[in-house]
Every structure is written in C-alpha cells, then in structure tokens.
Amino acid sequence: MEVNISKTSSKGHAYIGDEKNPEAEMTFSMAGNTKMIIDHTEVGASLKGKEAGKKMLLAIVEMARKENIKIIPLCPFANSVFKKDASIRDVLV
C-alpha cells in the first residue's frame, strides 16, 4: 500500500490509489509557511481495517518533519491518532 502526497502552496493531500479517484485520502491546508491543518480523512471500503488512515498520517508527519512544518489536527481521526501515539507529537503546534 503506497502513500503519495500532492501539495501546492496552500493545500494538499495524502492518498492511496489514483490521485483523481483515491481509495483513501487525507486532506490538509497550509496556514502560512510553517503550519498545516489536517482537516479530513476518508478511507474506502476496500481499505477499511488496513491502517490506511494511519499510514497516510505517518507520511504527512514525515513530510512535516523534513519541511519544519507544525500540524494542527482538526480532523477527528488524525487527532485521535496523535492522542494514541506519543512518538509523532513532536510535529504538533
């Protein structure tokens, strides 16, 4: 299961499958150059229970670390993963 990230200066998404019609997607908006708001996660039926959401979040966390970006997890799913996994909280605002 490969996670890809597509990003512009103001928005982006991590996705699994085809970018135009992904099987799973986590969207984010940039709040300036150093902050990102994760606002939505959606996982299709074919990937339910396979940790697709967590894999997308971990890919975004890795990107945020490389680019010195802090994350604001407004998406309930992303927020719940941050609460459960202390090892990724270094990127939180």
PDB file of N, CA and C in Angstrom:
ATOM      1  N   MET A   1       0.849  -1.170   0.000  1.00  0.00           N
ATOM      2  CA  MET A   1       0.000   0.000   0.000  1.00  0.00           C
ATOM      3  C   MET A   1       0.901   1.242   0.000  1.00  0.00           C
ATOM      4  N   GLU A   2       0.949   1.922  -1.117  1.00  0.00           N
ATOM      5  CA  GLU A   2       1.811   3.086  -1.269  1.00  0.00           C
ATOM      6  C   GLU A   2       1.033   4.367  -0.993  1.00  0.00           C
ATOM      7  N   VAL A   3       1.616   5.230  -0.169  1.00  0.00           N
ATOM      8  CA  VAL A   3       1.026   6.530   0.128  1.00  0.00           C
ATOM      9  C   VAL A   3       1.771   7.585  -0.670  1.00  0.00           C
ATOM     10  N   ASN A   4       1.032   8.409  -1.381  1.00  0.00           N
ATOM     11  CA  ASN A   4       1.602   9.519  -2.129  1.00  0.00           C
ATOM     12  C   ASN A   4       1.092  10.814  -1.526  1.00  0.00           C
ATOM     13  N   ILE A   5       1.880  11.884  -1.697  1.00  0.00           N
ATOM     14  CA  ILE A   5       1.460  13.200  -1.228  1.00  0.00           C
ATOM     15  C   ILE A   5       1.557  14.178  -2.382  1.00  0.00           C
ATOM     16  N   SER A   6       0.492  14.939  -2.561  1.00  0.00           N
ATOM     17  CA  SER A   6       0.454  16.003  -3.557  1.00  0.00           C
ATOM     18  C   SER A   6       0.207  17.299  -2.799  1.00  0.00           C
ATOM     19  N   LYS A   7       1.023  18.330  -3.075  1.00  0.00           N
ATOM     20  CA  LYS A   7       0.926  19.559  -2.292  1.00  0.00           C
ATOM     21  C   LYS A   7       1.137  20.772  -3.181  1.00  0.00           C
ATOM     22  N   THR A   8       0.314  21.804  -2.970  1.00  0.00           N
ATOM     23  CA  THR A   8       0.531  23.106  -3.593  1.00  0.00           C
ATOM     24  C   THR A   8       0.954  24.057  -2.475  1.00  0.00           C
ATOM     25  N   SER A   9       1.014  25.324  -2.759  1.00  0.00           N
ATOM     26  CA  SER A   9       1.416  26.276  -1.714  1.00  0.00           C
ATOM     27  C   SER A   9       0.361  26.434  -0.635  1.00  0.00           C
ATOM     28  N   SER A  10      -0.904  26.087  -0.936  1.00  0.00           N
ATOM     29  CA  SER A  10      -1.956  26.309   0.058  1.00  0.00           C
ATOM     30  C   SER A  10      -2.728  25.063   0.485  1.00  0.00           C
ATOM     31  N   LYS A  11      -2.697  24.004  -0.301  1.00  0.00           N
ATOM     32  CA  LYS A  11      -3.472  22.798   0.020  1.00  0.00           C
ATOM     33  C   LYS A  11      -2.699  21.551  -0.399  1.00  0.00           C
ATOM     34  N   GLY A  12      -3.192  20.419   0.063  1.00  0.00           N
ATOM     35  CA  GLY A  12      -2.583  19.167  -0.351  1.00  0.00           C
ATOM     36  C   GLY A  12      -3.355  17.985   0.177  1.00  0.00           C
ATOM     37  N   HIS A  13      -2.875  16.801  -0.199  1.00  0.00           N
ATOM     38  CA  HIS A  13      -3.492  15.588   0.307  1.00  0.00           C
ATOM     39  C   HIS A  13      -2.534  14.420   0.193  1.00  0.00           C
ATOM     40  N   ALA A  14      -2.677  13.505   1.137  1.00  0.00           N
ATOM     41  CA  ALA A  14      -2.018  12.203   1.054  1.00  0.00           C
ATOM     42  C   ALA A  14      -3.088  11.269   0.521  1.00  0.00           C
ATOM     43  N   TYR A  15      -2.683  10.349  -0.331  1.00  0.00           N
ATOM     44  CA  TYR A  15      -3.678   9.461  -0.921  1.00  0.00           C
ATOM     45  C   TYR A  15      -3.080   8.105  -1.239  1.00  0.00           C
ATOM     46  N   ILE A  16      -3.974   7.135  -1.355  1.00  0.00           N
ATOM     47  CA  ILE A  16      -3.614   5.778  -1.754  1.00  0.00           C
ATOM     48  C   ILE A  16      -4.449   5.469  -2.987  1.00  0.00           C
ATOM     49  N   GLY A  17      -3.804   4.983  -4.020  1.00  0.00           N
ATOM     50  CA  GLY A  17      -4.503   4.701  -5.274  1.00  0.00           C
ATOM     51  C   GLY A  17      -4.326   5.837  -6.253  1.00  0.00           C
ATOM     52  N   ASP A  18      -5.287   6.010  -7.112  1.00  0.00           N
ATOM     53  CA  ASP A  18      -5.254   7.034  -8.148  1.00  0.00           C
ATOM     54  C   ASP A  18      -5.501   8.413  -7.543  1.00  0.00           C
ATOM     55  N   GLU A  19      -4.679   9.386  -7.900  1.00  0.00           N
ATOM     56  CA  GLU A  19      -4.818  10.723  -7.309  1.00  0.00           C
ATOM     57  C   GLU A  19      -6.193  11.340  -7.573  1.00  0.00           C
ATOM     58  N   LYS A  20      -6.726  11.134  -8.758  1.00  0.00           N
ATOM     59  CA  LYS A  20      -8.025  11.718  -9.108  1.00  0.00           C
ATOM     60  C   LYS A  20      -9.200  10.978  -8.472  1.00  0.00           C
ATOM     61  N   ASN A  21      -9.023   9.697  -8.200  1.00  0.00           N
ATOM     62  CA  ASN A  21     -10.082   8.889  -7.605  1.00  0.00           C
ATOM     63  C   ASN A  21      -9.451   7.944  -6.570  1.00  0.00           C
ATOM     64  N   PRO A  22      -8.957   8.499  -5.448  1.00  0.00           N
ATOM     65  CA  PRO A  22      -8.208   7.675  -4.487  1.00  0.00           C
ATOM     66  C   PRO A  22      -9.083   6.702  -3.709  1.00  0.00           C
ATOM     67  N   GLU A  23      -8.449   5.612  -3.285  1.00  0.00           N
ATOM     68  CA  GLU A  23      -9.118   4.643  -2.418  1.00  0.00           C
ATOM     69  C   GLU A  23      -9.160   5.157  -0.982  1.00  0.00           C
ATOM     70  N   ALA A  24      -8.191   6.027  -0.643  1.00  0.00           N
ATOM     71  CA  ALA A  24      -8.129   6.650   0.676  1.00  0.00           C
ATOM     72  C   ALA A  24      -7.462   8.011   0.506  1.00  0.00           C
ATOM     73  N   GLU A  25      -7.880   8.970   1.344  1.00  0.00           N
ATOM     74  CA  GLU A  25      -7.347  10.325   1.204  1.00  0.00           C
ATOM     75  C   GLU A  25      -7.384  11.054   2.542  1.00  0.00           C
ATOM     76  N   MET A  26      -6.332  11.832   2.801  1.00  0.00           N
ATOM     77  CA  MET A  26      -6.264  12.713   3.967  1.00  0.00           C
ATOM     78  C   MET A  26      -5.897  14.094   3.436  1.00  0.00           C
ATOM     79  N   THR A  27      -6.761  15.075   3.677  1.00  0.00           N
ATOM     80  CA  THR A  27      -6.542  16.402   3.116  1.00  0.00           C
ATOM     81  C   THR A  27      -6.020  17.371   4.172  1.00  0.00           C
ATOM     82  N   PHE A  28      -5.267  18.363   3.687  1.00  0.00           N
ATOM     83  CA  PHE A  28      -4.735  19.386   4.579  1.00  0.00           C
ATOM     84  C   PHE A  28      -4.671  20.721   3.865  1.00  0.00           C
ATOM     85  N   SER A  29      -4.651  21.784   4.667  1.00  0.00           N
ATOM     86  CA  SER A  29      -4.492  23.149   4.170  1.00  0.00           C
ATOM     87  C   SER A  29      -3.297  23.756   4.875  1.00  0.00           C
ATOM     88  N   MET A  30      -2.543  24.564   4.162  1.00  0.00           N
ATOM     89  CA  MET A  30      -1.419  25.248   4.758  1.00  0.00           C
ATOM     90  C   MET A  30      -1.914  26.532   5.418  1.00  0.00           C
ATOM     91  N   ALA A  31      -1.415  26.802   6.606  1.00  0.00           N
ATOM     92  CA  ALA A  31      -1.719  28.035   7.330  1.00  0.00           C
ATOM     93  C   ALA A  31      -0.398  28.800   7.432  1.00  0.00           C
ATOM     94  N   GLY A  32      -0.038  29.456   6.352  1.00  0.00           N
ATOM     95  CA  GLY A  32       1.269  30.089   6.271  1.00  0.00           C
ATOM     96  C   GLY A  32       2.305  29.082   5.806  1.00  0.00           C
ATOM     97  N   ASN A  33       3.564  29.393   6.033  1.00  0.00           N
ATOM     98  CA  ASN A  33       4.648  28.519   5.561  1.00  0.00           C
ATOM     99  C   ASN A  33       5.036  27.436   6.558  1.00  0.00           C
ATOM    100  N   THR A  34       4.614  27.587   7.808  1.00  0.00           N
ATOM    101  CA  THR A  34       5.115  26.671   8.837  1.00  0.00           C
ATOM    102  C   THR A  34       4.033  25.897   9.578  1.00  0.00           C
ATOM    103  N   LYS A  35       2.775  26.045   9.168  1.00  0.00           N
ATOM    104  CA  LYS A  35       1.698  25.311   9.836  1.00  0.00           C
ATOM    105  C   LYS A  35       0.769  24.661   8.820  1.00  0.00           C
ATOM    106  N   MET A  36       0.297  23.509   9.185  1.00  0.00           N
ATOM    107  CA  MET A  36      -0.602  22.733   8.328  1.00  0.00           C
ATOM    108  C   MET A  36      -1.800  22.281   9.157  1.00  0.00           C
ATOM    109  N   ILE A  37      -2.980  22.372   8.564  1.00  0.00           N
ATOM    110  CA  ILE A  37      -4.200  21.911   9.224  1.00  0.00           C
ATOM    111  C   ILE A  37      -4.680  20.651   8.502  1.00  0.00           C
ATOM    112  N   ILE A  38      -4.680  19.525   9.197  1.00  0.00           N
ATOM    113  CA  ILE A  38      -5.259  18.305   8.631  1.00  0.00           C
ATOM    114  C   ILE A  38      -6.747  18.371   8.914  1.00  0.00           C
ATOM    115  N   ASP A  39      -7.563  18.365   7.839  1.00  0.00           N
ATOM    116  CA  ASP A  39      -8.981  18.620   8.024  1.00  0.00           C
ATOM    117  C   ASP A  39      -9.921  17.472   7.680  1.00  0.00           C
ATOM    118  N   HIS A  40      -9.447  16.450   6.997  1.00  0.00           N
ATOM    119  CA  HIS A  40     -10.377  15.389   6.602  1.00  0.00           C
ATOM    120  C   HIS A  40      -9.626  14.103   6.264  1.00  0.00           C
ATOM    121  N   THR A  41     -10.212  12.985   6.647  1.00  0.00           N
ATOM    122  CA  THR A  41      -9.697  11.667   6.268  1.00  0.00           C
ATOM    123  C   THR A  41     -10.860  10.832   5.776  1.00  0.00           C
ATOM    124  N   GLU A  42     -10.638  10.164   4.656  1.00  0.00           N
ATOM    125  CA  GLU A  42     -11.665   9.274   4.116  1.00  0.00           C
ATOM    126  C   GLU A  42     -10.983   8.009   3.599  1.00  0.00           C
ATOM    127  N   VAL A  43     -11.512   6.869   4.007  1.00  0.00           N
ATOM    128  CA  VAL A  43     -10.962   5.576   3.587  1.00  0.00           C
ATOM    129  C   VAL A  43     -12.081   4.759   2.969  1.00  0.00           C
ATOM    130  N   GLY A  44     -11.857   4.285   1.745  1.00  0.00           N
ATOM    131  CA  GLY A  44     -12.850   3.476   1.057  1.00  0.00           C
ATOM    132  C   GLY A  44     -13.000   2.100   1.678  1.00  0.00           C
ATOM    133  N   ALA A  45     -14.099   1.457   1.357  1.00  0.00           N
ATOM    134  CA  ALA A  45     -14.425   0.147   1.934  1.00  0.00           C
ATOM    135  C   ALA A  45     -13.331  -0.889   1.706  1.00  0.00           C
ATOM    136  N   SER A  46     -12.651  -0.835   0.565  1.00  0.00           N
ATOM    137  CA  SER A  46     -11.630  -1.843   0.257  1.00  0.00           C
ATOM    138  C   SER A  46     -10.411  -1.743   1.169  1.00  0.00           C
ATOM    139  N   LEU A  47     -10.214  -0.593   1.827  1.00  0.00           N
ATOM    140  CA  LEU A  47      -9.048  -0.419   2.703  1.00  0.00           C
ATOM    141  C   LEU A  47      -9.411  -0.311   4.180  1.00  0.00           C
ATOM    142  N   LYS A  48     -10.685  -0.409   4.512  1.00  0.00           N
ATOM    143  CA  LYS A  48     -11.103  -0.333   5.912  1.00  0.00           C
ATOM    144  C   LYS A  48     -10.425  -1.433   6.717  1.00  0.00           C
ATOM    145  N   GLY A  49      -9.939  -1.072   7.905  1.00  0.00           N
ATOM    146  CA  GLY A  49      -9.299  -2.037   8.786  1.00  0.00           C
ATOM    147  C   GLY A  49      -7.876  -2.387   8.415  1.00  0.00           C
ATOM    148  N   LYS A  50      -7.287  -1.696   7.431  1.00  0.00           N
ATOM    149  CA  LYS A  50      -5.923  -2.000   6.981  1.00  0.00           C
ATOM    150  C   LYS A  50      -4.938  -0.882   7.328  1.00  0.00           C
ATOM    151  N   GLU A  51      -5.332  -0.014   8.258  1.00  0.00           N
ATOM    152  CA  GLU A  51      -4.492   1.081   8.743  1.00  0.00           C
ATOM    153  C   GLU A  51      -4.105   2.083   7.660  1.00  0.00           C
ATOM    154  N   ALA A  52      -4.941   2.238   6.648  1.00  0.00           N
ATOM    155  CA  ALA A  52      -4.667   3.184   5.573  1.00  0.00           C
ATOM    156  C   ALA A  52      -4.598   4.612   6.111  1.00  0.00           C
ATOM    157  N   GLY A  53      -5.527   4.956   6.996  1.00  0.00           N
ATOM    158  CA  GLY A  53      -5.538   6.301   7.569  1.00  0.00           C
ATOM    159  C   GLY A  53      -4.266   6.610   8.335  1.00  0.00           C
ATOM    160  N   LYS A  54      -3.835   5.675   9.152  1.00  0.00           N
ATOM    161  CA  LYS A  54      -2.613   5.885   9.927  1.00  0.00           C
ATOM    162  C   LYS A  54      -1.399   5.987   9.014  1.00  0.00           C
ATOM    163  N   LYS A  55      -1.353   5.186   7.972  1.00  0.00           N
ATOM    164  CA  LYS A  55      -0.217   5.250   7.043  1.00  0.00           C
ATOM    165  C   LYS A  55      -0.150   6.604   6.342  1.00  0.00           C
ATOM    166  N   MET A  56      -1.315   7.144   5.976  1.00  0.00           N
ATOM    167  CA  MET A  56      -1.324   8.472   5.351  1.00  0.00           C
ATOM    168  C   MET A  56      -0.858   9.528   6.350  1.00  0.00           C
ATOM    169  N   LEU A  57      -1.330   9.435   7.602  1.00  0.00           N
ATOM    170  CA  LEU A  57      -0.912  10.394   8.614  1.00  0.00           C
ATOM    171  C   LEU A  57       0.594  10.316   8.843  1.00  0.00           C
ATOM    172  N   LEU A  58       1.147   9.124   8.926  1.00  0.00           N
ATOM    173  CA  LEU A  58       2.584   8.980   9.152  1.00  0.00           C
ATOM    174  C   LEU A  58       3.388   9.561   7.986  1.00  0.00           C
ATOM    175  N   ALA A  59       2.881   9.441   6.764  1.00  0.00           N
ATOM    176  CA  ALA A  59       3.554  10.036   5.606  1.00  0.00           C
ATOM    177  C   ALA A  59       3.538  11.564   5.710  1.00  0.00           C
ATOM    178  N   ILE A  60       2.413  12.119   6.151  1.00  0.00           N
ATOM    179  CA  ILE A  60       2.331  13.571   6.326  1.00  0.00           C
ATOM    180  C   ILE A  60       3.256  14.022   7.457  1.00  0.00           C
ATOM    181  N   VAL A  61       3.317  13.277   8.550  1.00  0.00           N
ATOM    182  CA  VAL A  61       4.213  13.599   9.658  1.00  0.00           C
ATOM    183  C   VAL A  61       5.662  13.606   9.182  1.00  0.00           C
ATOM    184  N   GLU A  62       6.038  12.617   8.393  1.00  0.00           N
ATOM    185  CA  GLU A  62       7.403  12.552   7.861  1.00  0.00           C
ATOM    186  C   GLU A  62       7.711  13.783   7.002  1.00  0.00           C
ATOM    187  N   MET A  63       6.769  14.160   6.137  1.00  0.00           N
ATOM    188  CA  MET A  63       6.949  15.346   5.310  1.00  0.00           C
ATOM    189  C   MET A  63       7.063  16.596   6.191  1.00  0.00           C
ATOM    190  N   ALA A  64       6.213  16.694   7.202  1.00  0.00           N
ATOM    191  CA  ALA A  64       6.241  17.860   8.092  1.00  0.00           C
ATOM    192  C   ALA A  64       7.582  17.976   8.813  1.00  0.00           C
ATOM    193  N   ARG A  65       8.128  16.868   9.236  1.00  0.00           N
ATOM    194  CA  ARG A  65       9.442  16.893   9.895  1.00  0.00           C
ATOM    195  C   ARG A  65      10.520  17.401   8.942  1.00  0.00           C
ATOM    196  N   LYS A  66      10.513  16.910   7.722  1.00  0.00           N
ATOM    197  CA  LYS A  66      11.523  17.322   6.733  1.00  0.00           C
ATOM    198  C   LYS A  66      11.416  18.801   6.385  1.00  0.00           C
ATOM    199  N   GLU A  67      10.191  19.320   6.388  1.00  0.00           N
ATOM    200  CA  GLU A  67       9.960  20.699   5.959  1.00  0.00           C
ATOM    201  C   GLU A  67       9.755  21.664   7.133  1.00  0.00           C
ATOM    202  N   ASN A  68       9.993  21.187   8.364  1.00  0.00           N
ATOM    203  CA  ASN A  68       9.820  22.004   9.572  1.00  0.00           C
ATOM    204  C   ASN A  68       8.440  22.651   9.638  1.00  0.00           C
ATOM    205  N   ILE A  69       7.421  21.831   9.446  1.00  0.00           N
ATOM    206  CA  ILE A  69       6.037  22.279   9.492  1.00  0.00           C
ATOM    207  C   ILE A  69       5.385  21.691  10.740  1.00  0.00           C
ATOM    208  N   LYS A  70       4.593  22.500  11.416  1.00  0.00           N
ATOM    209  CA  LYS A  70       3.826  22.034  12.569  1.00  0.00           C
ATOM    210  C   LYS A  70       2.399  21.726  12.125  1.00  0.00           C
ATOM    211  N   ILE A  71       1.783  20.754  12.766  1.00  0.00           N
ATOM    212  CA  ILE A  71       0.462  20.263  12.360  1.00  0.00           C
ATOM    213  C   ILE A  71      -0.603  20.601  13.400  1.00  0.00           C
ATOM    214  N   ILE A  72      -1.749  21.034  12.892  1.00  0.00           N
ATOM    215  CA  ILE A  72      -2.948  21.230  13.695  1.00  0.00           C
ATOM    216  C   ILE A  72      -3.958  20.181  13.211  1.00  0.00           C
ATOM    217  N   PRO A  73      -4.226  19.147  14.000  1.00  0.00           N
ATOM    218  CA  PRO A  73      -5.109  18.060  13.549  1.00  0.00           C
ATOM    219  C   PRO A  73      -6.586  18.328  13.864  1.00  0.00           C
ATOM    220  N   LEU A  74      -7.272  19.046  12.996  1.00  0.00           N
ATOM    221  CA  LEU A  74      -8.702  19.296  13.197  1.00  0.00           C
ATOM    222  C   LEU A  74      -9.554  18.084  12.819  1.00  0.00           C
ATOM    223  N   CYS A  75      -9.045  17.234  11.965  1.00  0.00           N
ATOM    224  CA  CYS A  75      -9.737  16.004  11.581  1.00  0.00           C
ATOM    225  C   CYS A  75      -9.817  15.091  12.816  1.00  0.00           C
ATOM    226  N   PRO A  76     -11.003  14.627  13.179  1.00  0.00           N
ATOM    227  CA  PRO A  76     -11.139  13.758  14.361  1.00  0.00           C
ATOM    228  C   PRO A  76     -10.268  12.501  14.299  1.00  0.00           C
ATOM    229  N   PHE A  77     -10.143  11.902  13.122  1.00  0.00           N
ATOM    230  CA  PHE A  77      -9.317  10.697  13.009  1.00  0.00           C
ATOM    231  C   PHE A  77      -7.859  11.023  13.296  1.00  0.00           C
ATOM    232  N   ALA A  78      -7.321  12.040  12.619  1.00  0.00           N
ATOM    233  CA  ALA A  78      -5.913  12.412  12.814  1.00  0.00           C
ATOM    234  C   ALA A  78      -5.671  12.785  14.270  1.00  0.00           C
ATOM    235  N   ASN A  79      -6.577  13.532  14.863  1.00  0.00           N
ATOM    236  CA  ASN A  79      -6.435  13.935  16.250  1.00  0.00           C
ATOM    237  C   ASN A  79      -6.375  12.718  17.168  1.00  0.00           C
ATOM    238  N   SER A  80      -7.199  11.712  16.900  1.00  0.00           N
ATOM    239  CA  SER A  80      -7.209  10.511  17.749  1.00  0.00           C
ATOM    240  C   SER A  80      -5.896   9.735  17.631  1.00  0.00           C
ATOM    241  N   VAL A  81      -5.305   9.705  16.449  1.00  0.00           N
ATOM    242  CA  VAL A  81      -4.022   9.004  16.282  1.00  0.00           C
ATOM    243  C   VAL A  81      -2.926   9.746  17.045  1.00  0.00           C
ATOM    244  N   PHE A  82      -2.915  11.073  16.970  1.00  0.00           N
ATOM    245  CA  PHE A  82      -1.922  11.837  17.730  1.00  0.00           C
ATOM    246  C   PHE A  82      -2.066  11.589  19.228  1.00  0.00           C
ATOM    247  N   LYS A  83      -3.285  11.467  19.719  1.00  0.00           N
ATOM    248  CA  LYS A  83      -3.504  11.214  21.143  1.00  0.00           C
ATOM    249  C   LYS A  83      -2.981   9.839  21.561  1.00  0.00           C
ATOM    250  N   LYS A  84      -3.055   8.863  20.662  1.00  0.00           N
ATOM    251  CA  LYS A  84      -2.633   7.491  20.974  1.00  0.00           C
ATOM    252  C   LYS A  84      -1.139   7.264  20.799  1.00  0.00           C
ATOM    253  N   ASP A  85      -0.471   8.054  19.948  1.00  0.00           N
ATOM    254  CA  ASP A  85       0.930   7.783  19.584  1.00  0.00           C
ATOM    255  C   ASP A  85       1.822   8.967  19.932  1.00  0.00           C
ATOM    256  N   ALA A  86       2.470   8.902  21.086  1.00  0.00           N
ATOM    257  CA  ALA A  86       3.328   9.985  21.544  1.00  0.00           C
ATOM    258  C   ALA A  86       4.536  10.212  20.627  1.00  0.00           C
ATOM    259  N   SER A  87       4.935   9.212  19.867  1.00  0.00           N
ATOM    260  CA  SER A  87       6.145   9.328  19.044  1.00  0.00           C
ATOM    261  C   SER A  87       5.989  10.294  17.871  1.00  0.00           C
ATOM    262  N   ILE A  88       4.769  10.707  17.578  1.00  0.00           N
ATOM    263  CA  ILE A  88       4.573  11.636  16.452  1.00  0.00           C
ATOM    264  C   ILE A  88       4.131  13.033  16.913  1.00  0.00           C
ATOM    265  N   ARG A  89       4.039  13.233  18.203  1.00  0.00           N
ATOM    266  CA  ARG A  89       3.537  14.515  18.705  1.00  0.00           C
ATOM    267  C   ARG A  89       4.529  15.671  18.566  1.00  0.00           C
ATOM    268  N   ASP A  90       5.756  15.387  18.197  1.00  0.00           N
ATOM    269  CA  ASP A  90       6.740  16.454  18.033  1.00  0.00           C
ATOM    270  C   ASP A  90       6.364  17.444  16.941  1.00  0.00           C
ATOM    271  N   VAL A  91       5.471  17.050  16.026  1.00  0.00           N
ATOM    272  CA  VAL A  91       5.080  17.943  14.937  1.00  0.00           C
ATOM    273  C   VAL A  91       3.820  18.752  15.254  1.00  0.00           C
ATOM    274  N   LEU A  92       3.237  18.535  16.424  1.00  0.00           N
ATOM    275  CA  LEU A  92       2.028  19.293  16.785  1.00  0.00           C
ATOM    276  C   LEU A  92       2.386  20.730  17.149  1.00  0.00           C
ATOM    277  N   VAL A  93       1.447  21.631  16.890  1.00  0.00           N
ATOM    278  CA  VAL A  93       1.629  23.048  17.242  1.00  0.00           C
ATOM    279  C   VAL A  93       1.672  23.163  18.744  1.00  0.00           C
TER     280      VAL A  93
END
